[in-house]
Amino acid sequence: MTQDTQFPAPDFSLPSDTGETVSLAGLKGQAFVLFFYPRDNTPGCTTEAKGFSADLGAFEAAGARVFGVSKDSLESHGKFRAKQELTVPLLSDE
């Protein structure tokens, strides 16, 4: 059985390593997933980000966008995505 779950999100506007700014207002009416992780290039965070990247097609097929969020810089995110071949955009909340 599948259950849709919604959690209220605080208003945010964060830069992405893809060059866009992602905001709650900009995502209004869209399904999206935010996953939070402490730091780029740590074992657990890498596993988590690779898992979301591997499943990105399924999320997109369901109509949902996926974003990772950490306090690391956009430069760090870019290196992390390239090194780990991640397909999920990463948002910086420094």
PDB file of N, CA and C in Angstrom:
ATOM      1  N   MET A   1       0.839  -1.176   0.000  1.00  0.00           N
ATOM      2  CA  MET A   1       0.000   0.000   0.000  1.00  0.00           C
ATOM      3  C   MET A   1       0.886   1.243   0.000  1.00  0.00           C
ATOM      4  N   THR A   2       0.557   2.198  -0.831  1.00  0.00           N
ATOM      5  CA  THR A   2       1.309   3.440  -0.915  1.00  0.00           C
ATOM      6  C   THR A   2       0.517   4.534  -0.227  1.00  0.00           C
ATOM      7  N   GLN A   3       1.218   5.319   0.531  1.00  0.00           N
ATOM      8  CA  GLN A   3       0.567   6.421   1.226  1.00  0.00           C
ATOM      9  C   GLN A   3       1.296   7.704   0.884  1.00  0.00           C
ATOM     10  N   ASP A   4       0.574   8.712   0.400  1.00  0.00           N
ATOM     11  CA  ASP A   4       1.169  10.013   0.148  1.00  0.00           C
ATOM     12  C   ASP A   4       1.281  10.748   1.469  1.00  0.00           C
ATOM     13  N   THR A   5       2.438  11.302   1.709  1.00  0.00           N
ATOM     14  CA  THR A   5       2.661  12.045   2.937  1.00  0.00           C
ATOM     15  C   THR A   5       3.164  13.433   2.584  1.00  0.00           C
ATOM     16  N   GLN A   6       2.580  14.413   3.187  1.00  0.00           N
ATOM     17  CA  GLN A   6       3.009  15.786   2.971  1.00  0.00           C
ATOM     18  C   GLN A   6       3.423  16.390   4.299  1.00  0.00           C
ATOM     19  N   PHE A   7       4.525  17.088   4.261  1.00  0.00           N
ATOM     20  CA  PHE A   7       5.002  17.793   5.436  1.00  0.00           C
ATOM     21  C   PHE A   7       5.150  19.255   5.060  1.00  0.00           C
ATOM     22  N   PRO A   8       4.680  20.159   5.895  1.00  0.00           N
ATOM     23  CA  PRO A   8       4.851  21.576   5.570  1.00  0.00           C
ATOM     24  C   PRO A   8       6.336  21.939   5.596  1.00  0.00           C
ATOM     25  N   ALA A   9       6.751  22.695   4.618  1.00  0.00           N
ATOM     26  CA  ALA A   9       8.146  23.136   4.545  1.00  0.00           C
ATOM     27  C   ALA A   9       8.204  24.631   4.819  1.00  0.00           C
ATOM     28  N   PRO A  10       9.244  25.072   5.498  1.00  0.00           N
ATOM     29  CA  PRO A  10       9.405  26.519   5.693  1.00  0.00           C
ATOM     30  C   PRO A  10       9.779  27.171   4.364  1.00  0.00           C
ATOM     31  N   ASP A  11       9.459  28.417   4.233  1.00  0.00           N
ATOM     32  CA  ASP A  11       9.825  29.146   3.026  1.00  0.00           C
ATOM     33  C   ASP A  11      11.343  29.133   2.880  1.00  0.00           C
ATOM     34  N   PHE A  12      11.818  28.872   1.681  1.00  0.00           N
ATOM     35  CA  PHE A  12      13.260  28.879   1.443  1.00  0.00           C
ATOM     36  C   PHE A  12      13.539  29.314   0.016  1.00  0.00           C
ATOM     37  N   SER A  13      14.734  29.784  -0.209  1.00  0.00           N
ATOM     38  CA  SER A  13      15.248  30.115  -1.525  1.00  0.00           C
ATOM     39  C   SER A  13      16.743  29.841  -1.467  1.00  0.00           C
ATOM     40  N   LEU A  14      17.180  28.793  -2.177  1.00  0.00           N
ATOM     41  CA  LEU A  14      18.573  28.355  -2.077  1.00  0.00           C
ATOM     42  C   LEU A  14      19.198  28.200  -3.454  1.00  0.00           C
ATOM     43  N   PRO A  15      20.482  28.528  -3.574  1.00  0.00           N
ATOM     44  CA  PRO A  15      21.167  28.323  -4.844  1.00  0.00           C
ATOM     45  C   PRO A  15      21.477  26.844  -5.058  1.00  0.00           C
ATOM     46  N   SER A  16      21.413  26.440  -6.322  1.00  0.00           N
ATOM     47  CA  SER A  16      21.696  25.068  -6.716  1.00  0.00           C
ATOM     48  C   SER A  16      23.025  25.019  -7.466  1.00  0.00           C
ATOM     49  N   ASP A  17      23.672  23.878  -7.396  1.00  0.00           N
ATOM     50  CA  ASP A  17      24.919  23.726  -8.144  1.00  0.00           C
ATOM     51  C   ASP A  17      24.673  23.665  -9.647  1.00  0.00           C
ATOM     52  N   THR A  18      23.410  23.640 -10.066  1.00  0.00           N
ATOM     53  CA  THR A  18      23.075  23.667 -11.491  1.00  0.00           C
ATOM     54  C   THR A  18      22.948  25.100 -12.004  1.00  0.00           C
ATOM     55  N   GLY A  19      23.030  26.082 -11.098  1.00  0.00           N
ATOM     56  CA  GLY A  19      22.945  27.483 -11.486  1.00  0.00           C
ATOM     57  C   GLY A  19      21.586  28.116 -11.260  1.00  0.00           C
ATOM     58  N   GLU A  20      20.601  27.310 -10.912  1.00  0.00           N
ATOM     59  CA  GLU A  20      19.272  27.869 -10.651  1.00  0.00           C
ATOM     60  C   GLU A  20      19.107  28.179  -9.165  1.00  0.00           C
ATOM     61  N   THR A  21      18.137  28.996  -8.863  1.00  0.00           N
ATOM     62  CA  THR A  21      17.740  29.215  -7.482  1.00  0.00           C
ATOM     63  C   THR A  21      16.432  28.460  -7.282  1.00  0.00           C
ATOM     64  N   VAL A  22      16.388  27.632  -6.260  1.00  0.00           N
ATOM     65  CA  VAL A  22      15.219  26.817  -5.978  1.00  0.00           C
ATOM     66  C   VAL A  22      14.528  27.394  -4.751  1.00  0.00           C
ATOM     67  N   SER A  23      13.239  27.643  -4.884  1.00  0.00           N
ATOM     68  CA  SER A  23      12.486  28.217  -3.765  1.00  0.00           C
ATOM     69  C   SER A  23      11.191  27.448  -3.563  1.00  0.00           C
ATOM     70  N   LEU A  24      10.678  27.537  -2.361  1.00  0.00           N
ATOM     71  CA  LEU A  24       9.393  26.907  -2.070  1.00  0.00           C
ATOM     72  C   LEU A  24       8.313  27.520  -2.964  1.00  0.00           C
ATOM     73  N   ALA A  25       8.342  28.832  -3.120  1.00  0.00           N
ATOM     74  CA  ALA A  25       7.345  29.494  -3.968  1.00  0.00           C
ATOM     75  C   ALA A  25       7.438  29.006  -5.409  1.00  0.00           C
ATOM     76  N   GLY A  26       8.658  28.780  -5.902  1.00  0.00           N
ATOM     77  CA  GLY A  26       8.852  28.314  -7.263  1.00  0.00           C
ATOM     78  C   GLY A  26       8.416  26.874  -7.483  1.00  0.00           C
ATOM     79  N   LEU A  27       8.345  26.114  -6.407  1.00  0.00           N
ATOM     80  CA  LEU A  27       7.936  24.712  -6.481  1.00  0.00           C
ATOM     81  C   LEU A  27       6.453  24.515  -6.182  1.00  0.00           C
ATOM     82  N   LYS A  28       5.771  25.613  -5.891  1.00  0.00           N
ATOM     83  CA  LYS A  28       4.361  25.526  -5.518  1.00  0.00           C
ATOM     84  C   LYS A  28       3.566  24.743  -6.560  1.00  0.00           C
ATOM     85  N   GLY A  29       2.789  23.790  -6.085  1.00  0.00           N
ATOM     86  CA  GLY A  29       1.950  22.980  -6.953  1.00  0.00           C
ATOM     87  C   GLY A  29       2.665  21.781  -7.560  1.00  0.00           C
ATOM     88  N   GLN A  30       3.959  21.648  -7.288  1.00  0.00           N
ATOM     89  CA  GLN A  30       4.745  20.531  -7.805  1.00  0.00           C
ATOM     90  C   GLN A  30       5.079  19.569  -6.667  1.00  0.00           C
ATOM     91  N   ALA A  31       5.220  18.312  -7.012  1.00  0.00           N
ATOM     92  CA  ALA A  31       5.712  17.342  -6.028  1.00  0.00           C
ATOM     93  C   ALA A  31       7.230  17.449  -5.999  1.00  0.00           C
ATOM     94  N   PHE A  32       7.794  17.420  -4.805  1.00  0.00           N
ATOM     95  CA  PHE A  32       9.247  17.468  -4.701  1.00  0.00           C
ATOM     96  C   PHE A  32       9.701  16.770  -3.427  1.00  0.00           C
ATOM     97  N   VAL A  33      10.952  16.345  -3.463  1.00  0.00           N
ATOM     98  CA  VAL A  33      11.580  15.686  -2.320  1.00  0.00           C
ATOM     99  C   VAL A  33      12.836  16.461  -1.987  1.00  0.00           C
ATOM    100  N   LEU A  34      12.983  16.817  -0.722  1.00  0.00           N
ATOM    101  CA  LEU A  34      14.222  17.403  -0.222  1.00  0.00           C
ATOM    102  C   LEU A  34      14.862  16.380   0.700  1.00  0.00           C
ATOM    103  N   PHE A  35      16.107  16.010   0.410  1.00  0.00           N
ATOM    104  CA  PHE A  35      16.820  15.174   1.372  1.00  0.00           C
ATOM    105  C   PHE A  35      17.981  15.983   1.913  1.00  0.00           C
ATOM    106  N   PHE A  36      18.150  15.903   3.198  1.00  0.00           N
ATOM    107  CA  PHE A  36      19.159  16.692   3.896  1.00  0.00           C
ATOM    108  C   PHE A  36      20.302  15.786   4.319  1.00  0.00           C
ATOM    109  N   TYR A  37      21.505  16.289   4.171  1.00  0.00           N
ATOM    110  CA  TYR A  37      22.677  15.520   4.576  1.00  0.00           C
ATOM    111  C   TYR A  37      23.720  16.485   5.136  1.00  0.00           C
ATOM    112  N   PRO A  38      24.581  16.011   6.052  1.00  0.00           N
ATOM    113  CA  PRO A  38      25.506  16.910   6.737  1.00  0.00           C
ATOM    114  C   PRO A  38      26.684  17.430   5.911  1.00  0.00           C
ATOM    115  N   ARG A  39      27.244  16.569   5.018  1.00  0.00           N
ATOM    116  CA  ARG A  39      28.475  17.005   4.370  1.00  0.00           C
ATOM    117  C   ARG A  39      28.755  16.209   3.092  1.00  0.00           C
ATOM    118  N   ASP A  40      29.271  16.911   2.092  1.00  0.00           N
ATOM    119  CA  ASP A  40      29.684  16.263   0.852  1.00  0.00           C
ATOM    120  C   ASP A  40      30.843  15.303   1.113  1.00  0.00           C
ATOM    121  N   ASN A  41      30.867  14.229   0.348  1.00  0.00           N
ATOM    122  CA  ASN A  41      31.980  13.279   0.313  1.00  0.00           C
ATOM    123  C   ASN A  41      32.216  12.489   1.594  1.00  0.00           C
ATOM    124  N   THR A  42      31.220  12.375   2.440  1.00  0.00           N
ATOM    125  CA  THR A  42      31.342  11.475   3.581  1.00  0.00           C
ATOM    126  C   THR A  42      30.643  10.169   3.193  1.00  0.00           C
ATOM    127  N   PRO A  43      31.047   9.044   3.788  1.00  0.00           N
ATOM    128  CA  PRO A  43      30.506   7.756   3.337  1.00  0.00           C
ATOM    129  C   PRO A  43      28.985   7.662   3.350  1.00  0.00           C
ATOM    130  N   GLY A  44      28.353   8.006   4.453  1.00  0.00           N
ATOM    131  CA  GLY A  44      26.899   7.892   4.538  1.00  0.00           C
ATOM    132  C   GLY A  44      26.187   8.848   3.604  1.00  0.00           C
ATOM    133  N   CYS A  45      26.688  10.066   3.502  1.00  0.00           N
ATOM    134  CA  CYS A  45      26.069  11.065   2.637  1.00  0.00           C
ATOM    135  C   CYS A  45      26.228  10.686   1.170  1.00  0.00           C
ATOM    136  N   THR A  46      27.372  10.123   0.831  1.00  0.00           N
ATOM    137  CA  THR A  46      27.601   9.682  -0.544  1.00  0.00           C
ATOM    138  C   THR A  46      26.638   8.555  -0.894  1.00  0.00           C
ATOM    139  N   THR A  47      26.468   7.612   0.008  1.00  0.00           N
ATOM    140  CA  THR A  47      25.534   6.502  -0.227  1.00  0.00           C
ATOM    141  C   THR A  47      24.122   7.033  -0.430  1.00  0.00           C
ATOM    142  N   GLU A  48      23.715   7.967   0.419  1.00  0.00           N
ATOM    143  CA  GLU A  48      22.373   8.543   0.323  1.00  0.00           C
ATOM    144  C   GLU A  48      22.187   9.271  -1.016  1.00  0.00           C
ATOM    145  N   ALA A  49      23.136  10.118  -1.379  1.00  0.00           N
ATOM    146  CA  ALA A  49      23.022  10.892  -2.612  1.00  0.00           C
ATOM    147  C   ALA A  49      23.041   9.980  -3.839  1.00  0.00           C
ATOM    148  N   LYS A  50      23.861   8.932  -3.808  1.00  0.00           N
ATOM    149  CA  LYS A  50      23.889   7.978  -4.923  1.00  0.00           C
ATOM    150  C   LYS A  50      22.561   7.224  -5.027  1.00  0.00           C
ATOM    151  N   GLY A  51      21.956   6.917  -3.902  1.00  0.00           N
ATOM    152  CA  GLY A  51      20.662   6.241  -3.906  1.00  0.00           C
ATOM    153  C   GLY A  51      19.579   7.097  -4.542  1.00  0.00           C
ATOM    154  N   PHE A  52      19.531   8.374  -4.172  1.00  0.00           N
ATOM    155  CA  PHE A  52      18.544   9.272  -4.781  1.00  0.00           C
ATOM    156  C   PHE A  52      18.828   9.454  -6.265  1.00  0.00           C
ATOM    157  N   SER A  53      20.111   9.526  -6.633  1.00  0.00           N
ATOM    158  CA  SER A  53      20.464   9.641  -8.052  1.00  0.00           C
ATOM    159  C   SER A  53      20.031   8.403  -8.828  1.00  0.00           C
ATOM    160  N   ALA A  54      20.254   7.232  -8.259  1.00  0.00           N
ATOM    161  CA  ALA A  54      19.879   5.976  -8.920  1.00  0.00           C
ATOM    162  C   ALA A  54      18.365   5.879  -9.112  1.00  0.00           C
ATOM    163  N   ASP A  55      17.622   6.433  -8.174  1.00  0.00           N
ATOM    164  CA  ASP A  55      16.161   6.353  -8.216  1.00  0.00           C
ATOM    165  C   ASP A  55      15.507   7.579  -8.842  1.00  0.00           C
ATOM    166  N   LEU A  56      16.313   8.499  -9.355  1.00  0.00           N
ATOM    167  CA  LEU A  56      15.767   9.749  -9.880  1.00  0.00           C
ATOM    168  C   LEU A  56      14.718   9.512 -10.963  1.00  0.00           C
ATOM    169  N   GLY A  57      14.952   8.558 -11.840  1.00  0.00           N
ATOM    170  CA  GLY A  57      13.976   8.275 -12.902  1.00  0.00           C
ATOM    171  C   GLY A  57      12.613   7.901 -12.356  1.00  0.00           C
ATOM    172  N   ALA A  58      12.589   7.131 -11.285  1.00  0.00           N
ATOM    173  CA  ALA A  58      11.319   6.733 -10.674  1.00  0.00           C
ATOM    174  C   ALA A  58      10.616   7.942 -10.055  1.00  0.00           C
ATOM    175  N   PHE A  59      11.389   8.811  -9.412  1.00  0.00           N
ATOM    176  CA  PHE A  59      10.793  10.024  -8.841  1.00  0.00           C
ATOM    177  C   PHE A  59      10.217  10.894  -9.956  1.00  0.00           C
ATOM    178  N   GLU A  60      10.992  11.063 -11.031  1.00  0.00           N
ATOM    179  CA  GLU A  60      10.523  11.888 -12.139  1.00  0.00           C
ATOM    180  C   GLU A  60       9.288  11.276 -12.807  1.00  0.00           C
ATOM    181  N   ALA A  61       9.270   9.952 -12.928  1.00  0.00           N
ATOM    182  CA  ALA A  61       8.099   9.281 -13.503  1.00  0.00           C
ATOM    183  C   ALA A  61       6.852   9.514 -12.654  1.00  0.00           C
ATOM    184  N   ALA A  62       7.055   9.690 -11.361  1.00  0.00           N
ATOM    185  CA  ALA A  62       5.946   9.977 -10.451  1.00  0.00           C
ATOM    186  C   ALA A  62       5.627  11.468 -10.403  1.00  0.00           C
ATOM    187  N   GLY A  63       6.390  12.260 -11.165  1.00  0.00           N
ATOM    188  CA  GLY A  63       6.132  13.695 -11.220  1.00  0.00           C
ATOM    189  C   GLY A  63       6.812  14.506 -10.145  1.00  0.00           C
ATOM    190  N   ALA A  64       7.808  13.940  -9.492  1.00  0.00           N
ATOM    191  CA  ALA A  64       8.481  14.633  -8.383  1.00  0.00           C
ATOM    192  C   ALA A  64       9.908  15.026  -8.751  1.00  0.00           C
ATOM    193  N   ARG A  65      10.291  16.203  -8.328  1.00  0.00           N
ATOM    194  CA  ARG A  65      11.679  16.650  -8.448  1.00  0.00           C
ATOM    195  C   ARG A  65      12.389  16.296  -7.147  1.00  0.00           C
ATOM    196  N   VAL A  66      13.703  16.114  -7.214  1.00  0.00           N
ATOM    197  CA  VAL A  66      14.489  15.728  -6.044  1.00  0.00           C
ATOM    198  C   VAL A  66      15.671  16.677  -5.907  1.00  0.00           C
ATOM    199  N   PHE A  67      15.917  17.108  -4.656  1.00  0.00           N
ATOM    200  CA  PHE A  67      17.038  17.994  -4.366  1.00  0.00           C
ATOM    201  C   PHE A  67      17.716  17.542  -3.077  1.00  0.00           C
ATOM    202  N   GLY A  68      19.041  17.556  -3.082  1.00  0.00           N
ATOM    203  CA  GLY A  68      19.802  17.337  -1.857  1.00  0.00           C
ATOM    204  C   GLY A  68      20.158  18.684  -1.264  1.00  0.00           C
ATOM    205  N   VAL A  69      20.205  18.767   0.064  1.00  0.00           N
ATOM    206  CA  VAL A  69      20.500  20.032   0.742  1.00  0.00           C
ATOM    207  C   VAL A  69      21.547  19.796   1.818  1.00  0.00           C
ATOM    208  N   SER A  70      22.597  20.606   1.792  1.00  0.00           N
ATOM    209  CA  SER A  70      23.569  20.609   2.889  1.00  0.00           C
ATOM    210  C   SER A  70      24.138  22.014   3.028  1.00  0.00           C
ATOM    211  N   LYS A  71      24.969  22.195   4.040  1.00  0.00           N
ATOM    212  CA  LYS A  71      25.565  23.505   4.289  1.00  0.00           C
ATOM    213  C   LYS A  71      26.829  23.740   3.465  1.00  0.00           C
ATOM    214  N   ASP A  72      27.242  22.747   2.681  1.00  0.00           N
ATOM    215  CA  ASP A  72      28.448  22.907   1.879  1.00  0.00           C
ATOM    216  C   ASP A  72      28.247  23.946   0.773  1.00  0.00           C
ATOM    217  N   SER A  73      29.356  24.488   0.286  1.00  0.00           N
ATOM    218  CA  SER A  73      29.320  25.520  -0.742  1.00  0.00           C
ATOM    219  C   SER A  73      28.931  24.933  -2.100  1.00  0.00           C
ATOM    220  N   LEU A  74      28.548  25.810  -3.015  1.00  0.00           N
ATOM    221  CA  LEU A  74      28.234  25.372  -4.367  1.00  0.00           C
ATOM    222  C   LEU A  74      29.459  24.746  -5.038  1.00  0.00           C
ATOM    223  N   GLU A  75      30.627  25.286  -4.754  1.00  0.00           N
ATOM    224  CA  GLU A  75      31.863  24.720  -5.312  1.00  0.00           C
ATOM    225  C   GLU A  75      32.060  23.285  -4.829  1.00  0.00           C
ATOM    226  N   SER A  76      31.863  23.063  -3.534  1.00  0.00           N
ATOM    227  CA  SER A  76      31.979  21.711  -2.979  1.00  0.00           C
ATOM    228  C   SER A  76      30.941  20.781  -3.599  1.00  0.00           C
ATOM    229  N   HIS A  77      29.708  21.273  -3.731  1.00  0.00           N
ATOM    230  CA  HIS A  77      28.644  20.472  -4.338  1.00  0.00           C
ATOM    231  C   HIS A  77      29.008  20.063  -5.766  1.00  0.00           C
ATOM    232  N   GLY A  78      29.530  20.992  -6.534  1.00  0.00           N
ATOM    233  CA  GLY A  78      29.900  20.700  -7.909  1.00  0.00           C
ATOM    234  C   GLY A  78      30.951  19.603  -7.990  1.00  0.00           C
ATOM    235  N   LYS A  79      31.937  19.683  -7.135  1.00  0.00           N
ATOM    236  CA  LYS A  79      32.989  18.657  -7.103  1.00  0.00           C
ATOM    237  C   LYS A  79      32.425  17.310  -6.663  1.00  0.00           C
ATOM    238  N   PHE A  80      31.554  17.341  -5.661  1.00  0.00           N
ATOM    239  CA  PHE A  80      30.919  16.122  -5.145  1.00  0.00           C
ATOM    240  C   PHE A  80      30.092  15.448  -6.236  1.00  0.00           C
ATOM    241  N   ARG A  81      29.270  16.228  -6.925  1.00  0.00           N
ATOM    242  CA  ARG A  81      28.437  15.665  -7.999  1.00  0.00           C
ATOM    243  C   ARG A  81      29.285  15.062  -9.105  1.00  0.00           C
ATOM    244  N   ALA A  82      30.343  15.761  -9.491  1.00  0.00           N
ATOM    245  CA  ALA A  82      31.205  15.266 -10.568  1.00  0.00           C
ATOM    246  C   ALA A  82      31.935  13.988 -10.142  1.00  0.00           C
ATOM    247  N   LYS A  83      32.509  14.016  -8.970  1.00  0.00           N
ATOM    248  CA  LYS A  83      33.283  12.861  -8.475  1.00  0.00           C
ATOM    249  C   LYS A  83      32.409  11.622  -8.332  1.00  0.00           C
ATOM    250  N   GLN A  84      31.203  11.798  -7.812  1.00  0.00           N
ATOM    251  CA  GLN A  84      30.314  10.664  -7.539  1.00  0.00           C
ATOM    252  C   GLN A  84      29.312  10.411  -8.666  1.00  0.00           C
ATOM    253  N   GLU A  85      29.380  11.206  -9.730  1.00  0.00           N
ATOM    254  CA  GLU A  85      28.467  11.086 -10.866  1.00  0.00           C
ATOM    255  C   GLU A  85      27.006  11.149 -10.429  1.00  0.00           C
ATOM    256  N   LEU A  86      26.698  12.132  -9.597  1.00  0.00           N
ATOM    257  CA  LEU A  86      25.345  12.318  -9.092  1.00  0.00           C
ATOM    258  C   LEU A  86      24.489  13.050 -10.123  1.00  0.00           C
ATOM    259  N   THR A  87      23.234  12.690 -10.193  1.00  0.00           N
ATOM    260  CA  THR A  87      22.306  13.346 -11.119  1.00  0.00           C
ATOM    261  C   THR A  87      21.302  14.254 -10.402  1.00  0.00           C
ATOM    262  N   VAL A  88      21.313  14.222  -9.092  1.00  0.00           N
ATOM    263  CA  VAL A  88      20.389  15.034  -8.303  1.00  0.00           C
ATOM    264  C   VAL A  88      21.013  16.404  -8.031  1.00  0.00           C
ATOM    265  N   PRO A  89      20.290  17.477  -8.305  1.00  0.00           N
ATOM    266  CA  PRO A  89      20.816  18.808  -7.985  1.00  0.00           C
ATOM    267  C   PRO A  89      21.010  18.964  -6.478  1.00  0.00           C
ATOM    268  N   LEU A  90      22.051  19.703  -6.128  1.00  0.00           N
ATOM    269  CA  LEU A  90      22.363  19.936  -4.710  1.00  0.00           C
ATOM    270  C   LEU A  90      22.206  21.410  -4.386  1.00  0.00           C
ATOM    271  N   LEU A  91      21.509  21.680  -3.302  1.00  0.00           N
ATOM    272  CA  LEU A  91      21.266  23.057  -2.858  1.00  0.00           C
ATOM    273  C   LEU A  91      22.194  23.381  -1.703  1.00  0.00           C
ATOM    274  N   SER A  92      22.672  24.626  -1.692  1.00  0.00           N
ATOM    275  CA  SER A  92      23.596  25.061  -0.641  1.00  0.00           C
ATOM    276  C   SER A  92      22.852  25.931   0.363  1.00  0.00           C
ATOM    277  N   ASP A  93      22.880  25.521   1.612  1.00  0.00           N
ATOM    278  CA  ASP A  93      22.279  26.290   2.711  1.00  0.00           C
ATOM    279  C   ASP A  93      23.384  26.637   3.701  1.00  0.00           C
ATOM    280  N   GLU A  94      24.334  27.459   3.206  1.00  0.00           N
ATOM    281  CA  GLU A  94      25.476  27.840   4.040  1.00  0.00           C
ATOM    282  C   GLU A  94      25.042  28.612   5.254  1.00  0.00           C
TER     283      GLU A  94
END
